[in-house]
Amino acid sequence: MPLNRRFRSVTRIGPVQVGTANDGRGREKHTAACTAPRCGFSADYDSRAAAELAAHTHRCPVR
């Protein structure tokens, strides 16, 4: 069963979107996900700064 997250404070840095949500245990998690077709990059981080750094340094392998 997939986890249904409600993201808040979503920002876009290039093709990557960074959003904040609570996980199943009530902890705050930050997600960076690339919206480019066929890229598939997404990762969860404990801090917003880490997620934004990943968004700034992400390079899509598909061009």
PDB file of N, CA and C in Angstrom:
ATOM      1  N   MET A   1       0.840  -1.177   0.000  1.00  0.00           N
ATOM      2  CA  MET A   1       0.000   0.000   0.000  1.00  0.00           C
ATOM      3  C   MET A   1       0.886   1.242   0.000  1.00  0.00           C
ATOM      4  N   PRO A   2       0.716   2.134  -0.962  1.00  0.00           N
ATOM      5  CA  PRO A   2       1.562   3.329  -1.027  1.00  0.00           C
ATOM      6  C   PRO A   2       1.211   4.334   0.063  1.00  0.00           C
ATOM      7  N   LEU A   3       2.206   5.079   0.458  1.00  0.00           N
ATOM      8  CA  LEU A   3       2.038   6.101   1.480  1.00  0.00           C
ATOM      9  C   LEU A   3       1.483   7.364   0.840  1.00  0.00           C
ATOM     10  N   ASN A   4       0.406   7.910   1.393  1.00  0.00           N
ATOM     11  CA  ASN A   4      -0.204   9.135   0.872  1.00  0.00           C
ATOM     12  C   ASN A   4       0.319  10.304   1.689  1.00  0.00           C
ATOM     13  N   ARG A   5       1.176  11.123   1.094  1.00  0.00           N
ATOM     14  CA  ARG A   5       1.768  12.251   1.804  1.00  0.00           C
ATOM     15  C   ARG A   5       1.124  13.550   1.355  1.00  0.00           C
ATOM     16  N   ARG A   6       0.967  14.467   2.295  1.00  0.00           N
ATOM     17  CA  ARG A   6       0.506  15.815   1.975  1.00  0.00           C
ATOM     18  C   ARG A   6       1.701  16.739   2.113  1.00  0.00           C
ATOM     19  N   PHE A   7       2.192  17.209   0.985  1.00  0.00           N
ATOM     20  CA  PHE A   7       3.370  18.060   0.982  1.00  0.00           C
ATOM     21  C   PHE A   7       2.974  19.506   1.223  1.00  0.00           C
ATOM     22  N   ARG A   8       3.823  20.202   1.953  1.00  0.00           N
ATOM     23  CA  ARG A   8       3.643  21.628   2.173  1.00  0.00           C
ATOM     24  C   ARG A   8       4.966  22.321   1.863  1.00  0.00           C
ATOM     25  N   SER A   9       4.915  23.586   1.674  1.00  0.00           N
ATOM     26  CA  SER A   9       6.072  24.417   1.317  1.00  0.00           C
ATOM     27  C   SER A   9       6.901  23.768   0.200  1.00  0.00           C
ATOM     28  N   VAL A  10       6.242  23.552  -0.922  1.00  0.00           N
ATOM     29  CA  VAL A  10       6.894  22.957  -2.094  1.00  0.00           C
ATOM     30  C   VAL A  10       7.555  24.074  -2.892  1.00  0.00           C
ATOM     31  N   THR A  11       8.836  23.885  -3.206  1.00  0.00           N
ATOM     32  CA  THR A  11       9.561  24.843  -4.040  1.00  0.00           C
ATOM     33  C   THR A  11      10.180  24.094  -5.214  1.00  0.00           C
ATOM     34  N   ARG A  12      10.454  24.827  -6.263  1.00  0.00           N
ATOM     35  CA  ARG A  12      11.042  24.232  -7.460  1.00  0.00           C
ATOM     36  C   ARG A  12      12.412  24.846  -7.694  1.00  0.00           C
ATOM     37  N   ILE A  13      13.415  23.991  -7.839  1.00  0.00           N
ATOM     38  CA  ILE A  13      14.785  24.412  -8.127  1.00  0.00           C
ATOM     39  C   ILE A  13      15.193  23.697  -9.410  1.00  0.00           C
ATOM     40  N   GLY A  14      15.110  24.409 -10.526  1.00  0.00           N
ATOM     41  CA  GLY A  14      15.344  23.775 -11.816  1.00  0.00           C
ATOM     42  C   GLY A  14      14.259  22.747 -12.067  1.00  0.00           C
ATOM     43  N   PRO A  15      14.613  21.539 -12.481  1.00  0.00           N
ATOM     44  CA  PRO A  15      13.594  20.512 -12.698  1.00  0.00           C
ATOM     45  C   PRO A  15      13.220  19.755 -11.417  1.00  0.00           C
ATOM     46  N   VAL A  16      13.848  20.088 -10.296  1.00  0.00           N
ATOM     47  CA  VAL A  16      13.644  19.354  -9.048  1.00  0.00           C
ATOM     48  C   VAL A  16      12.683  20.107  -8.142  1.00  0.00           C
ATOM     49  N   GLN A  17      11.718  19.380  -7.587  1.00  0.00           N
ATOM     50  CA  GLN A  17      10.806  19.953  -6.605  1.00  0.00           C
ATOM     51  C   GLN A  17      11.207  19.457  -5.222  1.00  0.00           C
ATOM     52  N   VAL A  18      11.192  20.369  -4.256  1.00  0.00           N
ATOM     53  CA  VAL A  18      11.511  20.049  -2.869  1.00  0.00           C
ATOM     54  C   VAL A  18      10.264  20.316  -2.036  1.00  0.00           C
ATOM     55  N   GLY A  19       9.840  19.323  -1.266  1.00  0.00           N
ATOM     56  CA  GLY A  19       8.648  19.465  -0.439  1.00  0.00           C
ATOM     57  C   GLY A  19       8.858  18.887   0.937  1.00  0.00           C
ATOM     58  N   THR A  20       8.035  19.341   1.877  1.00  0.00           N
ATOM     59  CA  THR A  20       8.105  18.892   3.262  1.00  0.00           C
ATOM     60  C   THR A  20       6.810  18.171   3.617  1.00  0.00           C
ATOM     61  N   ALA A  21       6.928  17.035   4.314  1.00  0.00           N
ATOM     62  CA  ALA A  21       5.771  16.259   4.748  1.00  0.00           C
ATOM     63  C   ALA A  21       6.139  15.508   6.020  1.00  0.00           C
ATOM     64  N   ASN A  22       5.130  14.982   6.673  1.00  0.00           N
ATOM     65  CA  ASN A  22       5.352  14.134   7.847  1.00  0.00           C
ATOM     66  C   ASN A  22       5.312  12.676   7.412  1.00  0.00           C
ATOM     67  N   ASP A  23       6.211  11.863   7.974  1.00  0.00           N
ATOM     68  CA  ASP A  23       6.198  10.444   7.640  1.00  0.00           C
ATOM     69  C   ASP A  23       5.161   9.735   8.513  1.00  0.00           C
ATOM     70  N   GLY A  24       5.103   8.424   8.430  1.00  0.00           N
ATOM     71  CA  GLY A  24       4.113   7.645   9.166  1.00  0.00           C
ATOM     72  C   GLY A  24       4.237   7.734  10.671  1.00  0.00           C
ATOM     73  N   ARG A  25       5.386   8.133  11.169  1.00  0.00           N
ATOM     74  CA  ARG A  25       5.607   8.238  12.611  1.00  0.00           C
ATOM     75  C   ARG A  25       5.527   9.672  13.118  1.00  0.00           C
ATOM     76  N   GLY A  26       5.108  10.598  12.259  1.00  0.00           N
ATOM     77  CA  GLY A  26       4.942  11.975  12.670  1.00  0.00           C
ATOM     78  C   GLY A  26       6.185  12.834  12.585  1.00  0.00           C
ATOM     79  N   ARG A  27       7.286  12.269  12.099  1.00  0.00           N
ATOM     80  CA  ARG A  27       8.513  13.044  11.939  1.00  0.00           C
ATOM     81  C   ARG A  27       8.467  13.823  10.637  1.00  0.00           C
ATOM     82  N   GLU A  28       9.098  14.976  10.628  1.00  0.00           N
ATOM     83  CA  GLU A  28       9.142  15.808   9.438  1.00  0.00           C
ATOM     84  C   GLU A  28      10.238  15.313   8.503  1.00  0.00           C
ATOM     85  N   LYS A  29       9.888  15.090   7.254  1.00  0.00           N
ATOM     86  CA  LYS A  29      10.833  14.650   6.230  1.00  0.00           C
ATOM     87  C   LYS A  29      10.770  15.606   5.059  1.00  0.00           C
ATOM     88  N   HIS A  30      11.884  15.738   4.358  1.00  0.00           N
ATOM     89  CA  HIS A  30      11.984  16.624   3.213  1.00  0.00           C
ATOM     90  C   HIS A  30      12.360  15.768   2.008  1.00  0.00           C
ATOM     91  N   THR A  31      11.650  15.964   0.913  1.00  0.00           N
ATOM     92  CA  THR A  31      11.841  15.142  -0.273  1.00  0.00           C
ATOM     93  C   THR A  31      12.263  16.009  -1.451  1.00  0.00           C
ATOM     94  N   ALA A  32      13.242  15.536  -2.197  1.00  0.00           N
ATOM     95  CA  ALA A  32      13.652  16.167  -3.452  1.00  0.00           C
ATOM     96  C   ALA A  32      13.352  15.173  -4.560  1.00  0.00           C
ATOM     97  N   ALA A  33      12.592  15.616  -5.576  1.00  0.00           N
ATOM     98  CA  ALA A  33      12.221  14.733  -6.676  1.00  0.00           C
ATOM     99  C   ALA A  33      12.322  15.480  -7.995  1.00  0.00           C
ATOM    100  N   CYS A  34      12.951  14.849  -8.978  1.00  0.00           N
ATOM    101  CA  CYS A  34      13.110  15.451 -10.298  1.00  0.00           C
ATOM    102  C   CYS A  34      11.853  15.189 -11.121  1.00  0.00           C
ATOM    103  N   THR A  35      11.389  16.216 -11.827  1.00  0.00           N
ATOM    104  CA  THR A  35      10.179  16.099 -12.626  1.00  0.00           C
ATOM    105  C   THR A  35      10.463  15.903 -14.106  1.00  0.00           C
ATOM    106  N   ALA A  36      11.726  15.766 -14.481  1.00  0.00           N
ATOM    107  CA  ALA A  36      12.069  15.544 -15.881  1.00  0.00           C
ATOM    108  C   ALA A  36      11.633  14.138 -16.316  1.00  0.00           C
ATOM    109  N   PRO A  37      11.184  14.000 -17.549  1.00  0.00           N
ATOM    110  CA  PRO A  37      10.778  12.672 -18.027  1.00  0.00           C
ATOM    111  C   PRO A  37      11.943  11.683 -18.011  1.00  0.00           C
ATOM    112  N   ARG A  38      11.669  10.468 -17.552  1.00  0.00           N
ATOM    113  CA  ARG A  38      12.613   9.350 -17.518  1.00  0.00           C
ATOM    114  C   ARG A  38      13.816   9.574 -16.608  1.00  0.00           C
ATOM    115  N   CYS A  39      13.743  10.512 -15.693  1.00  0.00           N
ATOM    116  CA  CYS A  39      14.887  10.737 -14.799  1.00  0.00           C
ATOM    117  C   CYS A  39      14.818   9.794 -13.599  1.00  0.00           C
ATOM    118  N   GLY A  40      13.738   9.848 -12.845  1.00  0.00           N
ATOM    119  CA  GLY A  40      13.552   8.923 -11.733  1.00  0.00           C
ATOM    120  C   GLY A  40      14.263   9.272 -10.439  1.00  0.00           C
ATOM    121  N   PHE A  41      14.857  10.451 -10.322  1.00  0.00           N
ATOM    122  CA  PHE A  41      15.558  10.827  -9.093  1.00  0.00           C
ATOM    123  C   PHE A  41      14.566  11.299  -8.034  1.00  0.00           C
ATOM    124  N   SER A  42      14.649  10.707  -6.853  1.00  0.00           N
ATOM    125  CA  SER A  42      13.935  11.201  -5.682  1.00  0.00           C
ATOM    126  C   SER A  42      14.640  10.667  -4.443  1.00  0.00           C
ATOM    127  N   ALA A  43      14.652  11.487  -3.390  1.00  0.00           N
ATOM    128  CA  ALA A  43      15.310  11.079  -2.151  1.00  0.00           C
ATOM    129  C   ALA A  43      14.690  11.826  -0.975  1.00  0.00           C
ATOM    130  N   ASP A  44      14.670  11.169   0.180  1.00  0.00           N
ATOM    131  CA  ASP A  44      14.172  11.771   1.420  1.00  0.00           C
ATOM    132  C   ASP A  44      15.348  12.190   2.281  1.00  0.00           C
ATOM    133  N   TYR A  45      15.193  13.330   2.948  1.00  0.00           N
ATOM    134  CA  TYR A  45      16.244  13.870   3.804  1.00  0.00           C
ATOM    135  C   TYR A  45      15.641  14.312   5.134  1.00  0.00           C
ATOM    136  N   ASP A  46      16.486  14.396   6.159  1.00  0.00           N
ATOM    137  CA  ASP A  46      16.036  14.838   7.476  1.00  0.00           C
ATOM    138  C   ASP A  46      16.001  16.352   7.600  1.00  0.00           C
ATOM    139  N   SER A  47      16.759  17.067   6.774  1.00  0.00           N
ATOM    140  CA  SER A  47      16.772  18.534   6.863  1.00  0.00           C
ATOM    141  C   SER A  47      16.431  19.149   5.509  1.00  0.00           C
ATOM    142  N   ARG A  48      15.825  20.308   5.569  1.00  0.00           N
ATOM    143  CA  ARG A  48      15.458  21.030   4.353  1.00  0.00           C
ATOM    144  C   ARG A  48      16.705  21.460   3.575  1.00  0.00           C
ATOM    145  N   ALA A  49      17.758  21.835   4.305  1.00  0.00           N
ATOM    146  CA  ALA A  49      18.997  22.263   3.658  1.00  0.00           C
ATOM    147  C   ALA A  49      19.607  21.139   2.824  1.00  0.00           C
ATOM    148  N   ALA A  50      19.559  19.924   3.327  1.00  0.00           N
ATOM    149  CA  ALA A  50      20.110  18.789   2.582  1.00  0.00           C
ATOM    150  C   ALA A  50      19.304  18.519   1.317  1.00  0.00           C
ATOM    151  N   ALA A  51      17.986  18.634   1.402  1.00  0.00           N
ATOM    152  CA  ALA A  51      17.142  18.417   0.229  1.00  0.00           C
ATOM    153  C   ALA A  51      17.376  19.501  -0.816  1.00  0.00           C
ATOM    154  N   GLU A  52      17.537  20.749  -0.391  1.00  0.00           N
ATOM    155  CA  GLU A  52      17.792  21.831  -1.338  1.00  0.00           C
ATOM    156  C   GLU A  52      19.182  21.709  -1.963  1.00  0.00           C
ATOM    157  N   LEU A  53      20.161  21.259  -1.184  1.00  0.00           N
ATOM    158  CA  LEU A  53      21.493  21.028  -1.739  1.00  0.00           C
ATOM    159  C   LEU A  53      21.452  19.938  -2.808  1.00  0.00           C
ATOM    160  N   ALA A  54      20.709  18.873  -2.550  1.00  0.00           N
ATOM    161  CA  ALA A  54      20.568  17.812  -3.547  1.00  0.00           C
ATOM    162  C   ALA A  54      19.887  18.337  -4.806  1.00  0.00           C
ATOM    163  N   ALA A  55      18.924  19.227  -4.640  1.00  0.00           N
ATOM    164  CA  ALA A  55      18.229  19.803  -5.800  1.00  0.00           C
ATOM    165  C   ALA A  55      19.171  20.686  -6.612  1.00  0.00           C
ATOM    166  N   HIS A  56      20.005  21.459  -5.937  1.00  0.00           N
ATOM    167  CA  HIS A  56      20.929  22.344  -6.646  1.00  0.00           C
ATOM    168  C   HIS A  56      22.011  21.561  -7.385  1.00  0.00           C
ATOM    169  N   THR A  57      22.448  20.444  -6.848  1.00  0.00           N
ATOM    170  CA  THR A  57      23.563  19.694  -7.438  1.00  0.00           C
ATOM    171  C   THR A  57      23.110  18.566  -8.360  1.00  0.00           C
ATOM    172  N   HIS A  58      21.799  18.316  -8.477  1.00  0.00           N
ATOM    173  CA  HIS A  58      21.287  17.221  -9.311  1.00  0.00           C
ATOM    174  C   HIS A  58      21.512  17.508 -10.788  1.00  0.00           C
ATOM    175  N   ARG A  59      22.019  16.520 -11.479  1.00  0.00           N
ATOM    176  CA  ARG A  59      22.167  16.574 -12.932  1.00  0.00           C
ATOM    177  C   ARG A  59      21.449  15.368 -13.518  1.00  0.00           C
ATOM    178  N   CYS A  60      20.490  15.626 -14.374  1.00  0.00           N
ATOM    179  CA  CYS A  60      19.713  14.531 -14.978  1.00  0.00           C
ATOM    180  C   CYS A  60      20.595  13.751 -15.940  1.00  0.00           C
ATOM    181  N   PRO A  61      20.578  12.420 -15.850  1.00  0.00           N
ATOM    182  CA  PRO A  61      21.334  11.612 -16.800  1.00  0.00           C
ATOM    183  C   PRO A  61      20.680  11.621 -18.184  1.00  0.00           C
ATOM    184  N   VAL A  62      19.396  11.920 -18.262  1.00  0.00           N
ATOM    185  CA  VAL A  62      18.666  11.950 -19.522  1.00  0.00           C
ATOM    186  C   VAL A  62      18.620  13.400 -19.993  1.00  0.00           C
ATOM    187  N   ARG A  63      19.123  13.675 -21.159  1.00  0.00           N
ATOM    188  CA  ARG A  63      19.111  15.037 -21.699  1.00  0.00           C
ATOM    189  C   ARG A  63      18.335  15.082 -22.979  1.00  0.00           C
TER     190      ARG A  63
END
